[in-house]
Structure formats: C-alpha cells, structure tokens
Amino acid sequence: MMQPFQFDQSAFVQSTPNVRRELPARVKTVLGLKVIGCLLSIGASFLMLLAFNAAADHDITMPPALAHRMANYAMVATGLSLVELLGVAGVWSFKRWGVYILAGFSMLNFVIRMHAGDSTFAMIGLASTAIVGAVIAARWADFE
C-alpha cells in the first residue's frame, strides 16, 4: 500500500546495462610510467632551471644569455609537462580531449626539449606517448 505523496519509481527507471569501461593493464602501466616521466621531467627542468640561473648569476664559462635561454626552455618544458598530466587524466577517464591534449603537448614538449638539447627526456616522452597511442587506437570507440 502506498502512502500519501509517494509514487511508484519503478515506472520511471529504465534498466540499462551497467557497462564498466576499464583500461587494459598495459595502458594503465604506460600511463603510470607517463605520469612518472612527466614528474621526473618537471624535476629535471627545475634542477636545470636552478643550475642555469646560477650560471647566469656567477661568472662561469657559460655566457649569461645562453644560460637565460636554457632556463626559459626549462620553464616552458615544465609547463608542457603539467599539461601532459592533464591529458593523462583525460585518457584515464576515457575522454577524447585527453588523447588530443596528450598527443599535442607531447609533440610540443618533444620539440622544446630537443631544441634545448635534452634529448633523453624528449625521446622517453615521445616513446611513451607512441605506446599509449598505439594501444588506445584499438579502443577508440570507447572514448567519449
């Protein structure tokens, strides 16, 4: 028996299958490595910024203009790595904008790091993004 001011909610609820999307373990691993790589890259950029800033303040063999330029590259690379982390979060939640951000800013970060002479972190970032892209291509229909 229904009480006053109550209604039967079962008429309004449609049963939809609860589809749980989950990333494969290899994608989770690569995204986790991408996060670690971005954090290491941010830390290396910070150390490079401190080192080149000190070189600009002191009379070391490096010209101050070059040290200032390298410190600027480090700051830009740090900002790009932070945006890459945003892309990783988007990929983790099955958003296509996350894939676009991750791919675009990984390429931009690659160019900046190669121009600054930091080829090790540039290649690691590019390789991890390529692995994520290859695995995501098979599940592209799952992304919103």
C-alpha atoms as a PDB file:
ATOM      1  CA  MET A   1       0.000   0.000   0.000  1.00  0.00           C
ATOM      2  CA  MET A   2       1.324   3.400  -0.964  1.00  0.00           C
ATOM      3  CA  GLN A   3       1.421   6.280   1.468  1.00  0.00           C
ATOM      4  CA  PRO A   4       0.193   9.771   0.524  1.00  0.00           C
ATOM      5  CA  PHE A   5       2.644  11.761  -1.620  1.00  0.00           C
ATOM      6  CA  GLN A   6       4.502   8.644  -2.748  1.00  0.00           C
ATOM      7  CA  PHE A   7       4.723   7.303  -6.232  1.00  0.00           C
ATOM      8  CA  ASP A   8       5.995   4.149  -7.784  1.00  0.00           C
ATOM      9  CA  GLN A   9       9.526   4.914  -9.025  1.00  0.00           C
ATOM     10  CA  SER A  10       9.913   1.667 -10.927  1.00  0.00           C
ATOM     11  CA  ALA A  11       7.809   3.107 -13.750  1.00  0.00           C
ATOM     12  CA  PHE A  12      10.374   5.899 -14.245  1.00  0.00           C
ATOM     13  CA  VAL A  13      13.543   3.849 -14.051  1.00  0.00           C
ATOM     14  CA  GLN A  14      14.703   2.182 -17.212  1.00  0.00           C
ATOM     15  CA  SER A  15      17.014  -0.697 -16.830  1.00  0.00           C
ATOM     16  CA  THR A  16      20.236  -0.107 -18.717  1.00  0.00           C
ATOM     17  CA  PRO A  17      23.114  -2.486 -18.562  1.00  0.00           C
ATOM     18  CA  ASN A  18      25.870  -1.171 -16.334  1.00  0.00           C
ATOM     19  CA  VAL A  19      28.836  -1.209 -18.681  1.00  0.00           C
ATOM     20  CA  ARG A  20      32.073  -0.679 -16.822  1.00  0.00           C
ATOM     21  CA  ARG A  21      34.808   0.608 -19.055  1.00  0.00           C
ATOM     22  CA  GLU A  22      38.288  -0.140 -17.896  1.00  0.00           C
ATOM     23  CA  LEU A  23      41.640   0.474 -19.466  1.00  0.00           C
ATOM     24  CA  PRO A  24      43.759  -2.572 -20.181  1.00  0.00           C
ATOM     25  CA  ALA A  25      46.575  -3.240 -17.735  1.00  0.00           C
ATOM     26  CA  ARG A  26      49.237  -2.313 -20.291  1.00  0.00           C
ATOM     27  CA  VAL A  27      47.627   1.105 -20.859  1.00  0.00           C
ATOM     28  CA  LYS A  28      47.457   1.697 -17.108  1.00  0.00           C
ATOM     29  CA  THR A  29      51.109   0.760 -16.859  1.00  0.00           C
ATOM     30  CA  VAL A  30      52.151   3.056 -19.682  1.00  0.00           C
ATOM     31  CA  LEU A  31      50.017   5.923 -18.350  1.00  0.00           C
ATOM     32  CA  GLY A  32      51.564   5.399 -14.921  1.00  0.00           C
ATOM     33  CA  LEU A  33      55.004   5.499 -16.491  1.00  0.00           C
ATOM     34  CA  LYS A  34      53.960   8.625 -18.404  1.00  0.00           C
ATOM     35  CA  VAL A  35      52.992  10.290 -15.114  1.00  0.00           C
ATOM     36  CA  ILE A  36      56.305   9.282 -13.546  1.00  0.00           C
ATOM     37  CA  GLY A  37      58.127  10.521 -16.643  1.00  0.00           C
ATOM     38  CA  CYS A  38      56.320  13.870 -16.527  1.00  0.00           C
ATOM     39  CA  LEU A  39      57.115  14.259 -12.831  1.00  0.00           C
ATOM     40  CA  LEU A  40      60.778  13.358 -13.418  1.00  0.00           C
ATOM     41  CA  SER A  41      60.832  15.757 -16.339  1.00  0.00           C
ATOM     42  CA  ILE A  42      59.422  18.530 -14.157  1.00  0.00           C
ATOM     43  CA  GLY A  43      62.063  17.764 -11.515  1.00  0.00           C
ATOM     44  CA  ALA A  44      64.876  17.736 -14.102  1.00  0.00           C
ATOM     45  CA  SER A  45      63.596  21.012 -15.551  1.00  0.00           C
ATOM     46  CA  PHE A  46      63.565  22.528 -12.084  1.00  0.00           C
ATOM     47  CA  LEU A  47      67.153  21.411 -11.468  1.00  0.00           C
ATOM     48  CA  MET A  48      68.190  22.705 -14.885  1.00  0.00           C
ATOM     49  CA  LEU A  49      66.463  25.998 -14.129  1.00  0.00           C
ATOM     50  CA  LEU A  50      68.379  26.315 -10.859  1.00  0.00           C
ATOM     51  CA  ALA A  51      71.685  25.361 -12.471  1.00  0.00           C
ATOM     52  CA  PHE A  52      71.362  27.735 -15.404  1.00  0.00           C
ATOM     53  CA  ASN A  53      70.045  30.505 -13.198  1.00  0.00           C
ATOM     54  CA  ALA A  54      73.139  30.132 -11.007  1.00  0.00           C
ATOM     55  CA  ALA A  55      75.320  30.174 -14.129  1.00  0.00           C
ATOM     56  CA  ALA A  56      73.728  33.462 -15.160  1.00  0.00           C
ATOM     57  CA  ASP A  57      74.438  34.997 -11.738  1.00  0.00           C
ATOM     58  CA  HIS A  58      78.040  33.823 -11.455  1.00  0.00           C
ATOM     59  CA  ASP A  59      80.955  34.136 -13.796  1.00  0.00           C
ATOM     60  CA  ILE A  60      81.086  30.585 -15.154  1.00  0.00           C
ATOM     61  CA  THR A  61      82.198  29.556 -18.632  1.00  0.00           C
ATOM     62  CA  MET A  62      78.610  29.679 -19.918  1.00  0.00           C
ATOM     63  CA  PRO A  63      77.540  33.020 -21.358  1.00  0.00           C
ATOM     64  CA  PRO A  64      74.676  34.561 -19.344  1.00  0.00           C
ATOM     65  CA  ALA A  65      72.477  34.903 -22.433  1.00  0.00           C
ATOM     66  CA  LEU A  66      72.732  31.165 -23.138  1.00  0.00           C
ATOM     67  CA  ALA A  67      72.034  30.308 -19.500  1.00  0.00           C
ATOM     68  CA  HIS A  68      68.971  32.563 -19.530  1.00  0.00           C
ATOM     69  CA  ARG A  69      67.694  30.946 -22.744  1.00  0.00           C
ATOM     70  CA  MET A  70      68.158  27.438 -21.332  1.00  0.00           C
ATOM     71  CA  ALA A  71      66.348  28.425 -18.121  1.00  0.00           C
ATOM     72  CA  ASN A  72      63.446  29.712 -20.227  1.00  0.00           C
ATOM     73  CA  TYR A  73      63.316  26.396 -22.096  1.00  0.00           C
ATOM     74  CA  ALA A  74      63.201  24.589 -18.759  1.00  0.00           C
ATOM     75  CA  MET A  75      60.241  26.676 -17.600  1.00  0.00           C
ATOM     76  CA  VAL A  76      58.345  26.081 -20.858  1.00  0.00           C
ATOM     77  CA  ALA A  77      59.050  22.336 -20.697  1.00  0.00           C
ATOM     78  CA  THR A  78      57.750  22.265 -17.120  1.00  0.00           C
ATOM     79  CA  GLY A  79      54.505  23.921 -18.177  1.00  0.00           C
ATOM     80  CA  LEU A  80      54.099  21.499 -21.077  1.00  0.00           C
ATOM     81  CA  SER A  81      54.672  18.519 -18.773  1.00  0.00           C
ATOM     82  CA  LEU A  82      51.942  19.800 -16.453  1.00  0.00           C
ATOM     83  CA  VAL A  83      49.521  20.000 -19.388  1.00  0.00           C
ATOM     84  CA  GLU A  84      50.560  16.467 -20.413  1.00  0.00           C
ATOM     85  CA  LEU A  85      49.493  15.315 -16.943  1.00  0.00           C
ATOM     86  CA  LEU A  86      46.075  16.838 -17.640  1.00  0.00           C
ATOM     87  CA  GLY A  87      45.968  14.807 -20.858  1.00  0.00           C
ATOM     88  CA  VAL A  88      46.820  11.622 -18.944  1.00  0.00           C
ATOM     89  CA  ALA A  89      43.907  12.311 -16.597  1.00  0.00           C
ATOM     90  CA  GLY A  90      41.606  12.740 -19.610  1.00  0.00           C
ATOM     91  CA  VAL A  91      42.785   9.477 -21.167  1.00  0.00           C
ATOM     92  CA  TRP A  92      42.295   7.679 -17.855  1.00  0.00           C
ATOM     93  CA  SER A  93      38.651   8.837 -17.791  1.00  0.00           C
ATOM     94  CA  PHE A  94      38.013   7.846 -21.446  1.00  0.00           C
ATOM     95  CA  LYS A  95      37.829  11.390 -22.842  1.00  0.00           C
ATOM     96  CA  ARG A  96      38.955  12.082 -26.393  1.00  0.00           C
ATOM     97  CA  TRP A  97      40.137  15.552 -25.424  1.00  0.00           C
ATOM     98  CA  GLY A  98      42.634  13.831 -23.120  1.00  0.00           C
ATOM     99  CA  VAL A  99      44.099  11.924 -26.059  1.00  0.00           C
ATOM    100  CA  TYR A 100      44.319  15.094 -28.144  1.00  0.00           C
ATOM    101  CA  ILE A 101      45.953  17.063 -25.324  1.00  0.00           C
ATOM    102  CA  LEU A 102      48.372  14.253 -24.532  1.00  0.00           C
ATOM    103  CA  ALA A 103      49.411  13.807 -28.162  1.00  0.00           C
ATOM    104  CA  GLY A 104      49.645  17.511 -28.999  1.00  0.00           C
ATOM    105  CA  PHE A 105      51.525  18.640 -25.943  1.00  0.00           C
ATOM    106  CA  SER A 106      53.807  15.597 -26.004  1.00  0.00           C
ATOM    107  CA  MET A 107      54.866  16.584 -29.516  1.00  0.00           C
ATOM    108  CA  LEU A 108      55.340  20.205 -28.474  1.00  0.00           C
ATOM    109  CA  ASN A 109      57.310  19.123 -25.407  1.00  0.00           C
ATOM    110  CA  PHE A 110      59.450  16.904 -27.648  1.00  0.00           C
ATOM    111  CA  VAL A 111      60.299  19.837 -29.915  1.00  0.00           C
ATOM    112  CA  ILE A 112      61.116  22.165 -26.989  1.00  0.00           C
ATOM    113  CA  ARG A 113      63.284  19.577 -25.247  1.00  0.00           C
ATOM    114  CA  MET A 114      65.160  18.670 -28.432  1.00  0.00           C
ATOM    115  CA  HIS A 115      65.751  22.356 -29.135  1.00  0.00           C
ATOM    116  CA  ALA A 116      67.085  22.772 -25.588  1.00  0.00           C
ATOM    117  CA  GLY A 117      69.381  19.758 -26.021  1.00  0.00           C
ATOM    118  CA  ASP A 118      67.588  17.453 -23.567  1.00  0.00           C
ATOM    119  CA  SER A 119      67.266  14.537 -25.965  1.00  0.00           C
ATOM    120  CA  THR A 120      66.973  11.804 -23.301  1.00  0.00           C
ATOM    121  CA  PHE A 121      63.731  13.056 -21.727  1.00  0.00           C
ATOM    122  CA  ALA A 122      62.468  14.099 -25.156  1.00  0.00           C
ATOM    123  CA  MET A 123      62.787  10.579 -26.548  1.00  0.00           C
ATOM    124  CA  ILE A 124      61.336   8.939 -23.419  1.00  0.00           C
ATOM    125  CA  GLY A 125      58.286  11.212 -23.574  1.00  0.00           C
ATOM    126  CA  LEU A 126      57.802  10.592 -27.275  1.00  0.00           C
ATOM    127  CA  ALA A 127      58.140   6.808 -26.934  1.00  0.00           C
ATOM    128  CA  SER A 128      55.645   6.591 -24.072  1.00  0.00           C
ATOM    129  CA  THR A 129      53.120   8.702 -25.971  1.00  0.00           C
ATOM    130  CA  ALA A 130      53.528   6.487 -29.044  1.00  0.00           C
ATOM    131  CA  ILE A 131      52.866   3.366 -26.958  1.00  0.00           C
ATOM    132  CA  VAL A 132      49.753   4.929 -25.394  1.00  0.00           C
ATOM    133  CA  GLY A 133      48.530   5.988 -28.843  1.00  0.00           C
ATOM    134  CA  ALA A 134      49.034   2.543 -30.332  1.00  0.00           C
ATOM    135  CA  VAL A 135      47.081   0.866 -27.551  1.00  0.00           C
ATOM    136  CA  ILE A 136      44.318   3.483 -27.485  1.00  0.00           C
ATOM    137  CA  ALA A 137      43.775   3.223 -31.244  1.00  0.00           C
ATOM    138  CA  ALA A 138      42.242  -0.225 -30.736  1.00  0.00           C
ATOM    139  CA  ARG A 139      39.778   1.121 -28.121  1.00  0.00           C
ATOM    140  CA  TRP A 140      38.975   4.480 -29.761  1.00  0.00           C
ATOM    141  CA  ALA A 141      35.234   3.698 -29.909  1.00  0.00           C
ATOM    142  CA  ASP A 142      35.131   3.556 -26.079  1.00  0.00           C
ATOM    143  CA  PHE A 143      36.250   7.175 -25.756  1.00  0.00           C
ATOM    144  CA  GLU A 144      33.708   9.983 -25.475  1.00  0.00           C
END
